[in-house]
Amino acid sequence: MSEPGPTEWEFGDPVGVGPWPGEWPADDRYDPDLLAGGDRRNVVDAYRYWRRDAVVADLDRRRHDFHVAIENFGHDHNIGTVVRTANAFAAKAVHIVGRRRWNRRGAMVTDRYQHVDHHPDVESLLKFAAADDLSVVGVDNSPGATPVETTALPRRCVLLFGQEGPGLTAAAREGADRVVSIAQFGSTRSINAGVAAGIVMHSWIRQHADLTSAW
């Protein structure tokens, strides 16, 4: 059975498409329930009426070589935003370090299509990265960090972010292969963790992604 469509968006007007007009496609990627009732999910038009597992399988074919990790030692409410952005940029996976619980509301149901893994601590994440030969890039406006604007990011990497406010823990900074910062020009000491993640992910996209494959 397909997931309910309209619940993915919480705005007043319906979005998406109605029931499939005419003869149904024979392709088994299509979901009979969505074909009959319409597809109101938060997905690009290319995936309209597709089963969820078919969407995930196609995304797995398209995913990029970077992972995203965020420390969650205070139940960070920005994780939902990070997951949604990681899905938009086709990250390989999102890794939550620390507390397993997180507020899924900001993900806008994209966690159904994005691989999300859990690590109890930074050491576990670093072991995962080493086993898969992934460079760990910490993101923190701390002394010694290099500007992301002028840094060549590794193609195969984990982009590691700290919790809103405190930033990366000492264990994360020490375990990272490099630490990058985001140039700021105002009075605030730091920017929102979800925003920071989006900036750095897009920096990776600009350097490594095949832009002709974007929707």
N, C-alpha and C. Protein backbone atom coordinates (compact mmCIF):
# COMPACT_ATOMS: atom_id res chain seq x y z
N MET A 1 0.85 -1.20 0.00
CA MET A 1 0.00 0.00 0.00
C MET A 1 0.88 1.23 0.00
N SER A 2 0.50 2.25 -0.73
CA SER A 2 1.31 3.47 -0.82
C SER A 2 1.12 4.31 0.42
N GLU A 3 2.08 5.23 0.65
CA GLU A 3 1.94 6.14 1.76
C GLU A 3 0.90 7.20 1.42
N PRO A 4 0.20 7.76 2.41
CA PRO A 4 -0.79 8.78 2.12
C PRO A 4 -0.12 10.03 1.57
N GLY A 5 -0.66 10.54 0.48
CA GLY A 5 -0.01 11.66 -0.19
C GLY A 5 -0.22 13.01 0.45
N PRO A 6 -1.48 13.46 0.69
CA PRO A 6 -1.69 14.84 1.12
C PRO A 6 -1.01 15.21 2.43
N THR A 7 -0.70 14.20 3.28
CA THR A 7 -0.10 14.54 4.57
C THR A 7 1.33 15.03 4.45
N GLU A 8 1.95 14.90 3.29
CA GLU A 8 3.33 15.33 3.14
C GLU A 8 3.45 16.84 3.09
N TRP A 9 2.40 17.52 2.73
CA TRP A 9 2.42 18.97 2.68
C TRP A 9 1.33 19.48 3.61
N GLU A 10 1.59 20.54 4.31
CA GLU A 10 0.65 21.03 5.30
C GLU A 10 0.19 22.45 4.98
N PHE A 11 0.08 22.74 3.69
CA PHE A 11 -0.40 24.04 3.28
C PHE A 11 -1.88 23.93 2.92
N GLY A 12 -2.51 25.07 2.69
CA GLY A 12 -3.94 25.07 2.47
C GLY A 12 -4.35 24.47 1.13
N ASP A 13 -3.64 24.76 0.07
CA ASP A 13 -4.03 24.30 -1.26
C ASP A 13 -3.37 22.96 -1.58
N PRO A 14 -4.08 22.07 -2.24
CA PRO A 14 -3.47 20.79 -2.63
C PRO A 14 -2.38 21.00 -3.67
N VAL A 15 -1.37 20.16 -3.62
CA VAL A 15 -0.29 20.21 -4.59
C VAL A 15 -0.21 18.86 -5.28
N GLY A 16 0.65 18.80 -6.28
CA GLY A 16 0.83 17.53 -6.96
C GLY A 16 -0.14 17.35 -8.11
N VAL A 17 -0.53 16.10 -8.36
CA VAL A 17 -1.37 15.77 -9.51
C VAL A 17 -2.52 14.88 -9.06
N GLY A 18 -3.60 14.91 -9.84
CA GLY A 18 -4.74 14.07 -9.55
C GLY A 18 -4.59 12.68 -10.11
N PRO A 19 -5.67 11.91 -10.17
CA PRO A 19 -5.60 10.55 -10.72
C PRO A 19 -5.05 10.54 -12.14
N TRP A 20 -4.37 9.45 -12.49
CA TRP A 20 -3.77 9.32 -13.82
C TRP A 20 -4.87 9.34 -14.88
N PRO A 21 -4.75 10.22 -15.87
CA PRO A 21 -5.77 10.25 -16.92
C PRO A 21 -5.50 9.18 -17.98
N GLY A 22 -6.52 8.50 -18.39
CA GLY A 22 -6.37 7.51 -19.46
C GLY A 22 -5.88 6.17 -18.96
N GLU A 23 -5.31 5.40 -19.90
CA GLU A 23 -4.84 4.05 -19.60
C GLU A 23 -3.61 4.09 -18.71
N TRP A 24 -3.59 3.24 -17.70
CA TRP A 24 -2.47 3.23 -16.76
C TRP A 24 -1.22 2.66 -17.41
N PRO A 25 -0.03 3.16 -17.00
CA PRO A 25 1.22 2.58 -17.49
C PRO A 25 1.44 1.18 -16.93
N ALA A 26 2.10 0.33 -17.72
CA ALA A 26 2.35 -1.05 -17.29
C ALA A 26 3.60 -1.16 -16.43
N ASP A 27 4.43 -0.13 -16.38
CA ASP A 27 5.68 -0.13 -15.64
C ASP A 27 5.41 -0.41 -14.16
N ASP A 28 6.12 -1.41 -13.58
CA ASP A 28 5.86 -1.78 -12.19
C ASP A 28 6.40 -0.78 -11.18
N ARG A 29 7.08 0.27 -11.65
CA ARG A 29 7.49 1.32 -10.73
C ARG A 29 6.31 2.16 -10.25
N TYR A 30 5.22 2.10 -10.99
CA TYR A 30 4.06 2.92 -10.65
C TYR A 30 3.20 2.25 -9.59
N ASP A 31 2.63 3.07 -8.71
CA ASP A 31 1.83 2.60 -7.59
C ASP A 31 0.34 2.69 -7.97
N PRO A 32 -0.38 1.56 -7.96
CA PRO A 32 -1.79 1.59 -8.34
C PRO A 32 -2.63 2.55 -7.49
N ASP A 33 -2.33 2.65 -6.20
CA ASP A 33 -3.10 3.55 -5.33
C ASP A 33 -2.91 5.01 -5.74
N LEU A 34 -1.65 5.36 -6.09
CA LEU A 34 -1.39 6.73 -6.51
C LEU A 34 -1.98 7.01 -7.89
N LEU A 35 -1.92 6.04 -8.77
CA LEU A 35 -2.52 6.22 -10.09
C LEU A 35 -4.02 6.46 -9.97
N ALA A 36 -4.65 5.76 -9.03
CA ALA A 36 -6.10 5.88 -8.87
C ALA A 36 -6.50 7.15 -8.12
N GLY A 37 -5.72 7.51 -7.09
CA GLY A 37 -6.14 8.61 -6.23
C GLY A 37 -5.40 9.91 -6.42
N GLY A 38 -4.32 9.89 -7.19
CA GLY A 38 -3.51 11.10 -7.36
C GLY A 38 -2.29 11.05 -6.47
N ASP A 39 -1.32 11.90 -6.79
CA ASP A 39 -0.04 11.92 -6.08
C ASP A 39 0.21 13.33 -5.54
N ARG A 40 0.04 13.50 -4.24
CA ARG A 40 0.22 14.80 -3.60
C ARG A 40 1.53 14.87 -2.80
N ARG A 41 2.45 13.98 -3.06
CA ARG A 41 3.68 13.91 -2.28
C ARG A 41 4.65 15.03 -2.67
N ASN A 42 5.61 15.25 -1.77
CA ASN A 42 6.67 16.24 -2.00
C ASN A 42 7.79 15.58 -2.79
N VAL A 43 7.53 15.31 -4.08
CA VAL A 43 8.53 14.71 -4.95
C VAL A 43 8.57 15.49 -6.26
N VAL A 44 9.70 15.40 -6.97
CA VAL A 44 9.81 16.04 -8.29
C VAL A 44 8.88 15.33 -9.27
N ASP A 45 8.54 16.02 -10.34
CA ASP A 45 7.57 15.47 -11.29
C ASP A 45 8.01 14.14 -11.90
N ALA A 46 9.33 13.95 -12.03
CA ALA A 46 9.82 12.70 -12.62
C ALA A 46 9.42 11.48 -11.80
N TYR A 47 9.13 11.65 -10.50
CA TYR A 47 8.77 10.54 -9.64
C TYR A 47 7.27 10.48 -9.33
N ARG A 48 6.47 11.27 -10.01
CA ARG A 48 5.04 11.23 -9.78
C ARG A 48 4.48 9.83 -10.04
N TYR A 49 3.67 9.37 -9.12
CA TYR A 49 2.97 8.09 -9.17
C TYR A 49 3.89 6.89 -8.91
N TRP A 50 5.18 7.11 -8.67
CA TRP A 50 6.08 5.98 -8.42
C TRP A 50 5.89 5.46 -7.00
N ARG A 51 6.11 4.17 -6.82
CA ARG A 51 6.17 3.59 -5.49
C ARG A 51 7.37 4.17 -4.74
N ARG A 52 7.27 4.21 -3.43
CA ARG A 52 8.36 4.77 -2.64
C ARG A 52 9.65 3.98 -2.83
N ASP A 53 9.58 2.65 -2.82
CA ASP A 53 10.81 1.87 -2.97
C ASP A 53 11.42 2.06 -4.35
N ALA A 54 10.59 2.33 -5.36
CA ALA A 54 11.13 2.59 -6.70
C ALA A 54 11.85 3.92 -6.74
N VAL A 55 11.32 4.91 -6.03
CA VAL A 55 11.99 6.21 -5.95
C VAL A 55 13.34 6.06 -5.27
N VAL A 56 13.37 5.36 -4.14
CA VAL A 56 14.63 5.16 -3.41
C VAL A 56 15.65 4.43 -4.27
N ALA A 57 15.20 3.41 -4.99
CA ALA A 57 16.12 2.66 -5.85
C ALA A 57 16.71 3.55 -6.93
N ASP A 58 15.91 4.43 -7.52
CA ASP A 58 16.42 5.32 -8.55
C ASP A 58 17.36 6.36 -7.95
N LEU A 59 17.03 6.85 -6.76
CA LEU A 59 17.93 7.79 -6.09
C LEU A 59 19.26 7.13 -5.77
N ASP A 60 19.22 5.86 -5.37
CA ASP A 60 20.47 5.15 -5.07
C ASP A 60 21.38 5.10 -6.29
N ARG A 61 20.80 5.06 -7.44
CA ARG A 61 21.58 5.06 -8.68
C ARG A 61 22.20 6.43 -8.95
N ARG A 62 21.60 7.49 -8.41
CA ARG A 62 22.01 8.86 -8.70
C ARG A 62 22.81 9.53 -7.57
N ARG A 63 22.87 8.90 -6.41
CA ARG A 63 23.45 9.58 -5.24
C ARG A 63 24.91 9.94 -5.46
N HIS A 64 25.31 11.03 -4.80
CA HIS A 64 26.68 11.52 -4.91
C HIS A 64 27.59 10.84 -3.88
N ASP A 65 28.87 11.18 -3.94
CA ASP A 65 29.88 10.51 -3.12
C ASP A 65 30.13 11.18 -1.77
N PHE A 66 29.28 12.11 -1.37
CA PHE A 66 29.48 12.74 -0.06
C PHE A 66 28.38 12.30 0.91
N HIS A 67 28.78 12.17 2.16
CA HIS A 67 27.87 11.90 3.26
C HIS A 67 27.77 13.16 4.11
N VAL A 68 26.73 13.24 4.91
CA VAL A 68 26.54 14.35 5.84
C VAL A 68 26.35 13.78 7.24
N ALA A 69 27.03 14.36 8.21
CA ALA A 69 26.87 13.92 9.60
C ALA A 69 26.65 15.15 10.48
N ILE A 70 25.82 14.99 11.49
CA ILE A 70 25.59 16.08 12.43
C ILE A 70 25.55 15.53 13.85
N GLU A 71 26.27 16.20 14.73
CA GLU A 71 26.27 15.80 16.14
C GLU A 71 24.95 16.21 16.77
N ASN A 72 24.38 15.31 17.51
CA ASN A 72 23.03 15.51 18.07
C ASN A 72 23.05 15.34 19.58
N PHE A 73 24.02 15.98 20.24
CA PHE A 73 24.12 15.78 21.68
C PHE A 73 23.10 16.60 22.45
N GLY A 74 22.30 17.39 21.76
CA GLY A 74 21.25 18.14 22.44
C GLY A 74 19.92 18.03 21.73
N HIS A 75 19.67 16.92 21.01
CA HIS A 75 18.42 16.75 20.26
C HIS A 75 18.22 17.93 19.31
N ASP A 76 19.11 18.07 18.38
CA ASP A 76 19.15 19.24 17.50
C ASP A 76 17.94 19.28 16.56
N HIS A 77 17.18 20.38 16.63
CA HIS A 77 15.98 20.51 15.81
C HIS A 77 16.31 20.82 14.36
N ASN A 78 17.57 21.12 14.05
CA ASN A 78 17.96 21.42 12.67
C ASN A 78 18.17 20.17 11.82
N ILE A 79 18.17 18.99 12.43
CA ILE A 79 18.47 17.78 11.68
C ILE A 79 17.46 17.56 10.55
N GLY A 80 16.20 17.87 10.79
CA GLY A 80 15.20 17.72 9.75
C GLY A 80 15.54 18.54 8.52
N THR A 81 16.00 19.77 8.74
CA THR A 81 16.41 20.62 7.63
C THR A 81 17.62 20.03 6.91
N VAL A 82 18.56 19.51 7.67
CA VAL A 82 19.75 18.90 7.07
C VAL A 82 19.36 17.70 6.21
N VAL A 83 18.46 16.86 6.70
CA VAL A 83 18.02 15.70 5.94
C VAL A 83 17.33 16.13 4.65
N ARG A 84 16.47 17.14 4.74
CA ARG A 84 15.77 17.61 3.54
C ARG A 84 16.77 18.15 2.51
N THR A 85 17.76 18.91 2.95
CA THR A 85 18.75 19.46 2.03
C THR A 85 19.63 18.36 1.45
N ALA A 86 20.01 17.39 2.29
CA ALA A 86 20.82 16.27 1.80
C ALA A 86 20.07 15.49 0.73
N ASN A 87 18.77 15.34 0.92
CA ASN A 87 17.96 14.68 -0.10
C ASN A 87 17.95 15.49 -1.40
N ALA A 88 17.82 16.81 -1.29
CA ALA A 88 17.79 17.66 -2.48
C ALA A 88 19.08 17.56 -3.28
N PHE A 89 20.21 17.39 -2.58
CA PHE A 89 21.51 17.31 -3.25
C PHE A 89 21.97 15.87 -3.47
N ALA A 90 21.08 14.90 -3.18
CA ALA A 90 21.38 13.47 -3.40
C ALA A 90 22.63 13.03 -2.66
N ALA A 91 22.71 13.35 -1.38
CA ALA A 91 23.81 12.85 -0.56
C ALA A 91 23.70 11.34 -0.41
N LYS A 92 24.84 10.70 -0.23
CA LYS A 92 24.85 9.25 -0.08
C LYS A 92 24.03 8.83 1.15
N ALA A 93 24.27 9.52 2.27
CA ALA A 93 23.54 9.21 3.50
C ALA A 93 23.72 10.35 4.49
N VAL A 94 22.81 10.42 5.45
CA VAL A 94 22.93 11.34 6.58
C VAL A 94 23.20 10.50 7.82
N HIS A 95 24.15 10.94 8.63
CA HIS A 95 24.54 10.22 9.83
C HIS A 95 24.28 11.10 11.05
N ILE A 96 23.49 10.59 11.96
CA ILE A 96 23.20 11.30 13.20
C ILE A 96 24.09 10.73 14.29
N VAL A 97 24.89 11.59 14.89
CA VAL A 97 25.88 11.18 15.89
C VAL A 97 25.38 11.59 17.27
N GLY A 98 25.24 10.62 18.16
CA GLY A 98 24.77 10.94 19.51
C GLY A 98 23.34 10.47 19.70
N ARG A 99 22.48 11.34 20.18
CA ARG A 99 21.11 10.97 20.46
C ARG A 99 20.38 10.54 19.20
N ARG A 100 19.70 9.42 19.30
CA ARG A 100 19.01 8.87 18.14
C ARG A 100 17.78 9.70 17.77
N ARG A 101 17.11 10.26 18.75
CA ARG A 101 15.88 11.00 18.50
C ARG A 101 16.17 12.34 17.83
N TRP A 102 15.31 12.72 16.90
CA TRP A 102 15.41 14.04 16.28
C TRP A 102 14.04 14.44 15.75
N ASN A 103 13.84 15.73 15.57
CA ASN A 103 12.56 16.27 15.12
C ASN A 103 12.45 16.11 13.61
N ARG A 104 11.58 15.20 13.18
CA ARG A 104 11.46 14.89 11.76
C ARG A 104 10.58 15.89 11.00
N ARG A 105 9.94 16.78 11.69
CA ARG A 105 9.02 17.69 11.02
C ARG A 105 9.71 18.50 9.93
N GLY A 106 10.91 19.00 10.21
CA GLY A 106 11.62 19.83 9.24
C GLY A 106 12.06 19.08 8.00
N ALA A 107 12.06 17.75 8.07
CA ALA A 107 12.48 16.95 6.91
C ALA A 107 11.43 16.91 5.82
N MET A 108 10.20 17.32 6.13
CA MET A 108 9.11 17.33 5.15
C MET A 108 8.99 15.98 4.45
N VAL A 109 9.13 14.90 5.21
CA VAL A 109 8.95 13.53 4.78
C VAL A 109 10.07 13.03 3.85
N THR A 110 11.10 13.85 3.64
CA THR A 110 12.20 13.40 2.77
C THR A 110 13.00 12.28 3.41
N ASP A 111 12.86 12.07 4.73
CA ASP A 111 13.56 10.97 5.37
C ASP A 111 13.04 9.62 4.87
N ARG A 112 11.90 9.60 4.19
CA ARG A 112 11.41 8.35 3.59
C ARG A 112 12.25 7.95 2.38
N TYR A 113 12.96 8.90 1.81
CA TYR A 113 13.71 8.66 0.58
C TYR A 113 15.22 8.80 0.78
N GLN A 114 15.63 9.37 1.91
CA GLN A 114 17.04 9.60 2.19
C GLN A 114 17.54 8.59 3.22
N HIS A 115 18.67 7.93 2.96
CA HIS A 115 19.23 7.01 3.94
C HIS A 115 19.71 7.80 5.16
N VAL A 116 19.24 7.41 6.33
CA VAL A 116 19.62 8.06 7.59
C VAL A 116 20.16 6.99 8.53
N ASP A 117 21.43 7.13 8.94
CA ASP A 117 22.07 6.16 9.83
C ASP A 117 22.36 6.80 11.17
N HIS A 118 22.65 5.98 12.16
CA HIS A 118 22.92 6.48 13.52
C HIS A 118 24.24 5.94 14.02
N HIS A 119 24.99 6.80 14.71
CA HIS A 119 26.23 6.41 15.37
C HIS A 119 26.17 6.91 16.82
N PRO A 120 26.50 6.08 17.77
CA PRO A 120 26.39 6.50 19.17
C PRO A 120 27.34 7.61 19.56
N ASP A 121 28.48 7.70 18.86
CA ASP A 121 29.46 8.73 19.20
C ASP A 121 30.34 9.03 17.99
N VAL A 122 31.20 10.05 18.14
CA VAL A 122 32.07 10.46 17.04
C VAL A 122 33.03 9.34 16.66
N GLU A 123 33.54 8.61 17.66
CA GLU A 123 34.47 7.51 17.38
C GLU A 123 33.86 6.50 16.41
N SER A 124 32.59 6.18 16.61
CA SER A 124 31.92 5.25 15.73
C SER A 124 31.82 5.80 14.31
N LEU A 125 31.51 7.09 14.18
CA LEU A 125 31.45 7.72 12.86
C LEU A 125 32.81 7.68 12.17
N LEU A 126 33.87 7.99 12.92
CA LEU A 126 35.20 8.00 12.33
C LEU A 126 35.62 6.61 11.87
N LYS A 127 35.24 5.58 12.61
CA LYS A 127 35.54 4.21 12.20
C LYS A 127 34.81 3.87 10.91
N PHE A 128 33.55 4.31 10.81
CA PHE A 128 32.79 4.09 9.57
C PHE A 128 33.49 4.76 8.40
N ALA A 129 33.90 6.02 8.59
CA ALA A 129 34.54 6.77 7.51
C ALA A 129 35.85 6.11 7.09
N ALA A 130 36.64 5.68 8.05
CA ALA A 130 37.93 5.05 7.74
C ALA A 130 37.73 3.74 6.98
N ALA A 131 36.71 2.97 7.37
CA ALA A 131 36.46 1.69 6.71
C ALA A 131 36.05 1.86 5.26
N ASP A 132 35.42 2.99 4.96
CA ASP A 132 34.96 3.25 3.58
C ASP A 132 35.88 4.23 2.86
N ASP A 133 37.03 4.53 3.46
CA ASP A 133 38.01 5.43 2.85
C ASP A 133 37.40 6.79 2.54
N LEU A 134 36.66 7.34 3.50
CA LEU A 134 36.03 8.65 3.36
C LEU A 134 36.80 9.68 4.18
N SER A 135 37.12 10.80 3.57
CA SER A 135 37.75 11.90 4.29
C SER A 135 36.69 12.61 5.13
N VAL A 136 37.03 12.97 6.36
CA VAL A 136 36.09 13.65 7.25
C VAL A 136 36.39 15.15 7.25
N VAL A 137 35.42 15.93 6.81
CA VAL A 137 35.57 17.38 6.74
C VAL A 137 34.67 18.01 7.81
N GLY A 138 35.27 18.51 8.87
CA GLY A 138 34.51 19.20 9.89
C GLY A 138 34.17 20.61 9.43
N VAL A 139 33.04 21.11 9.86
CA VAL A 139 32.61 22.47 9.52
C VAL A 139 32.42 23.24 10.81
N ASP A 140 33.29 24.23 11.03
CA ASP A 140 33.24 24.97 12.29
C ASP A 140 34.05 26.27 12.13
N ASN A 141 33.49 27.36 12.58
CA ASN A 141 34.22 28.63 12.53
C ASN A 141 35.14 28.72 13.74
N SER A 142 36.17 27.92 13.73
CA SER A 142 37.12 27.86 14.84
C SER A 142 38.51 28.21 14.34
N PRO A 143 39.41 28.60 15.24
CA PRO A 143 40.78 28.94 14.82
C PRO A 143 41.44 27.79 14.06
N GLY A 144 42.10 28.11 12.97
CA GLY A 144 42.78 27.11 12.17
C GLY A 144 41.96 26.54 11.04
N ALA A 145 40.66 26.84 11.01
CA ALA A 145 39.81 26.34 9.92
C ALA A 145 40.14 27.09 8.63
N THR A 146 40.03 26.39 7.50
CA THR A 146 40.27 27.02 6.21
C THR A 146 38.94 27.41 5.58
N PRO A 147 38.88 28.53 4.86
CA PRO A 147 37.61 28.97 4.27
C PRO A 147 37.09 27.95 3.26
N VAL A 148 35.84 27.54 3.39
CA VAL A 148 35.26 26.60 2.44
C VAL A 148 35.21 27.20 1.05
N GLU A 149 35.15 28.53 0.99
CA GLU A 149 35.06 29.21 -0.30
C GLU A 149 36.32 29.01 -1.15
N THR A 150 37.44 28.71 -0.52
CA THR A 150 38.69 28.53 -1.26
C THR A 150 39.29 27.14 -1.07
N THR A 151 38.51 26.22 -0.51
CA THR A 151 39.01 24.87 -0.21
C THR A 151 38.49 23.87 -1.24
N ALA A 152 39.37 23.02 -1.74
CA ALA A 152 38.96 21.93 -2.63
C ALA A 152 38.47 20.78 -1.75
N LEU A 153 37.17 20.54 -1.78
CA LEU A 153 36.59 19.48 -0.96
C LEU A 153 36.85 18.12 -1.60
N PRO A 154 37.14 17.10 -0.80
CA PRO A 154 37.35 15.76 -1.36
C PRO A 154 36.06 15.25 -1.99
N ARG A 155 36.19 14.47 -3.06
CA ARG A 155 34.99 13.90 -3.68
C ARG A 155 34.31 12.91 -2.74
N ARG A 156 35.08 12.02 -2.16
CA ARG A 156 34.53 11.03 -1.23
C ARG A 156 34.78 11.52 0.19
N CYS A 157 33.72 11.95 0.84
CA CYS A 157 33.93 12.56 2.15
C CYS A 157 32.67 12.50 3.00
N VAL A 158 32.87 12.80 4.27
CA VAL A 158 31.78 13.04 5.22
C VAL A 158 31.88 14.49 5.65
N LEU A 159 30.82 15.25 5.43
CA LEU A 159 30.75 16.63 5.89
C LEU A 159 30.13 16.61 7.29
N LEU A 160 30.92 16.97 8.29
CA LEU A 160 30.52 16.81 9.68
C LEU A 160 30.20 18.17 10.32
N PHE A 161 28.99 18.29 10.86
CA PHE A 161 28.51 19.53 11.45
C PHE A 161 28.22 19.34 12.93
N GLY A 162 28.42 20.41 13.69
CA GLY A 162 28.13 20.37 15.12
C GLY A 162 26.71 20.82 15.40
N GLN A 163 26.36 20.74 16.66
CA GLN A 163 25.04 21.16 17.08
C GLN A 163 24.91 22.68 17.01
N GLU A 164 23.68 23.14 16.85
CA GLU A 164 23.41 24.59 16.85
C GLU A 164 23.99 25.23 18.11
N GLY A 165 24.78 26.27 17.93
CA GLY A 165 25.35 27.00 19.07
C GLY A 165 26.77 26.56 19.39
N PRO A 166 26.94 25.42 20.08
CA PRO A 166 28.30 25.02 20.48
C PRO A 166 29.20 24.64 19.32
N GLY A 167 28.64 24.19 18.20
CA GLY A 167 29.47 23.74 17.09
C GLY A 167 30.01 22.35 17.33
N LEU A 168 31.10 22.02 16.66
CA LEU A 168 31.69 20.69 16.78
C LEU A 168 32.26 20.46 18.18
N THR A 169 32.15 19.23 18.65
CA THR A 169 32.82 18.87 19.89
C THR A 169 34.32 18.77 19.64
N ALA A 170 35.09 18.77 20.72
CA ALA A 170 36.54 18.65 20.59
C ALA A 170 36.91 17.33 19.90
N ALA A 171 36.18 16.26 20.22
CA ALA A 171 36.47 14.96 19.61
C ALA A 171 36.26 15.01 18.10
N ALA A 172 35.25 15.73 17.66
CA ALA A 172 34.97 15.84 16.23
C ALA A 172 36.04 16.66 15.53
N ARG A 173 36.43 17.79 16.14
CA ARG A 173 37.47 18.63 15.52
C ARG A 173 38.79 17.88 15.42
N GLU A 174 39.14 17.15 16.47
CA GLU A 174 40.41 16.42 16.48
C GLU A 174 40.39 15.22 15.53
N GLY A 175 39.22 14.63 15.33
CA GLY A 175 39.14 13.45 14.48
C GLY A 175 38.99 13.76 13.01
N ALA A 176 38.62 15.00 12.68
CA ALA A 176 38.42 15.38 11.28
C ALA A 176 39.76 15.47 10.56
N ASP A 177 39.76 15.14 9.28
CA ASP A 177 40.97 15.27 8.47
C ASP A 177 41.28 16.73 8.17
N ARG A 178 40.23 17.53 8.13
CA ARG A 178 40.39 18.98 7.95
C ARG A 178 39.13 19.65 8.48
N VAL A 179 39.25 20.93 8.80
CA VAL A 179 38.10 21.71 9.27
C VAL A 179 37.98 22.95 8.40
N VAL A 180 36.77 23.20 7.91
CA VAL A 180 36.53 24.37 7.08
C VAL A 180 35.55 25.30 7.78
N SER A 181 35.62 26.56 7.40
CA SER A 181 34.72 27.58 7.97
C SER A 181 33.96 28.26 6.84
N ILE A 182 32.90 28.96 7.21
CA ILE A 182 32.08 29.71 6.26
C ILE A 182 32.30 31.19 6.50
N ALA A 183 32.65 31.93 5.46
CA ALA A 183 32.92 33.36 5.61
C ALA A 183 31.66 34.09 6.07
N GLN A 184 31.82 34.92 7.12
CA GLN A 184 30.72 35.73 7.65
C GLN A 184 31.19 37.18 7.77
N PHE A 185 30.23 38.09 7.67
CA PHE A 185 30.59 39.50 7.64
C PHE A 185 29.75 40.35 8.60
N GLY A 186 28.88 39.72 9.35
CA GLY A 186 28.02 40.46 10.26
C GLY A 186 28.44 40.32 11.71
N SER A 187 27.51 40.57 12.63
CA SER A 187 27.84 40.58 14.05
C SER A 187 27.67 39.23 14.73
N THR A 188 26.90 38.33 14.12
CA THR A 188 26.64 37.05 14.77
C THR A 188 27.86 36.14 14.74
N ARG A 189 28.04 35.37 15.80
CA ARG A 189 29.20 34.48 15.89
C ARG A 189 29.05 33.28 14.99
N SER A 190 27.81 32.83 14.78
CA SER A 190 27.60 31.64 13.97
C SER A 190 26.27 31.74 13.24
N ILE A 191 26.10 30.90 12.23
CA ILE A 191 24.84 30.86 11.52
C ILE A 191 24.13 29.55 11.83
N ASN A 192 22.85 29.50 11.50
CA ASN A 192 22.03 28.33 11.75
C ASN A 192 22.68 27.07 11.18
N ALA A 193 22.65 25.99 11.95
CA ALA A 193 23.32 24.75 11.53
C ALA A 193 22.74 24.19 10.24
N GLY A 194 21.43 24.30 10.06
CA GLY A 194 20.82 23.83 8.83
C GLY A 194 21.26 24.65 7.63
N VAL A 195 21.38 25.96 7.83
CA VAL A 195 21.86 26.83 6.75
C VAL A 195 23.31 26.51 6.41
N ALA A 196 24.14 26.35 7.45
CA ALA A 196 25.55 26.03 7.23
C ALA A 196 25.70 24.73 6.44
N ALA A 197 24.89 23.73 6.78
CA ALA A 197 24.96 22.46 6.07
C ALA A 197 24.62 22.64 4.59
N GLY A 198 23.61 23.45 4.31
CA GLY A 198 23.22 23.69 2.93
C GLY A 198 24.32 24.38 2.14
N ILE A 199 24.99 25.35 2.77
CA ILE A 199 26.07 26.07 2.10
C ILE A 199 27.21 25.13 1.73
N VAL A 200 27.62 24.29 2.65
CA VAL A 200 28.77 23.42 2.40
C VAL A 200 28.39 22.29 1.43
N MET A 201 27.19 21.76 1.56
CA MET A 201 26.77 20.75 0.58
C MET A 201 26.78 21.33 -0.83
N HIS A 202 26.29 22.56 -0.97
CA HIS A 202 26.27 23.15 -2.30
C HIS A 202 27.68 23.44 -2.79
N SER A 203 28.60 23.74 -1.88
CA SER A 203 30.00 23.90 -2.28
C SER A 203 30.52 22.61 -2.88
N TRP A 204 30.16 21.48 -2.28
CA TRP A 204 30.57 20.18 -2.85
C TRP A 204 29.93 20.00 -4.22
N ILE A 205 28.65 20.32 -4.34
CA ILE A 205 27.95 20.18 -5.61
C ILE A 205 28.63 21.00 -6.71
N ARG A 206 28.99 22.22 -6.40
CA ARG A 206 29.62 23.09 -7.39
C ARG A 206 30.95 22.52 -7.87
N GLN A 207 31.65 21.83 -6.98
CA GLN A 207 32.97 21.30 -7.33
C GLN A 207 32.92 19.95 -8.04
N HIS A 208 31.94 19.13 -7.71
CA HIS A 208 32.01 17.73 -8.16
C HIS A 208 30.80 17.21 -8.94
N ALA A 209 29.64 17.82 -8.80
CA ALA A 209 28.44 17.23 -9.40
C ALA A 209 28.36 17.47 -10.90
N ASP A 210 27.73 16.55 -11.58
CA ASP A 210 27.42 16.71 -13.00
C ASP A 210 26.10 17.49 -13.09
N LEU A 211 26.18 18.78 -13.34
CA LEU A 211 25.00 19.63 -13.30
C LEU A 211 24.01 19.31 -14.41
N THR A 212 24.45 18.59 -15.43
CA THR A 212 23.53 18.23 -16.51
C THR A 212 22.53 17.15 -16.05
N SER A 213 22.82 16.51 -14.91
CA SER A 213 21.92 15.47 -14.42
C SER A 213 20.90 15.99 -13.42
N ALA A 214 20.94 17.30 -13.14
CA ALA A 214 19.97 17.89 -12.20
C ALA A 214 18.58 17.93 -12.83
N TRP A 215 17.56 17.90 -12.00
CA TRP A 215 16.20 17.96 -12.52
C TRP A 215 15.92 19.32 -13.13
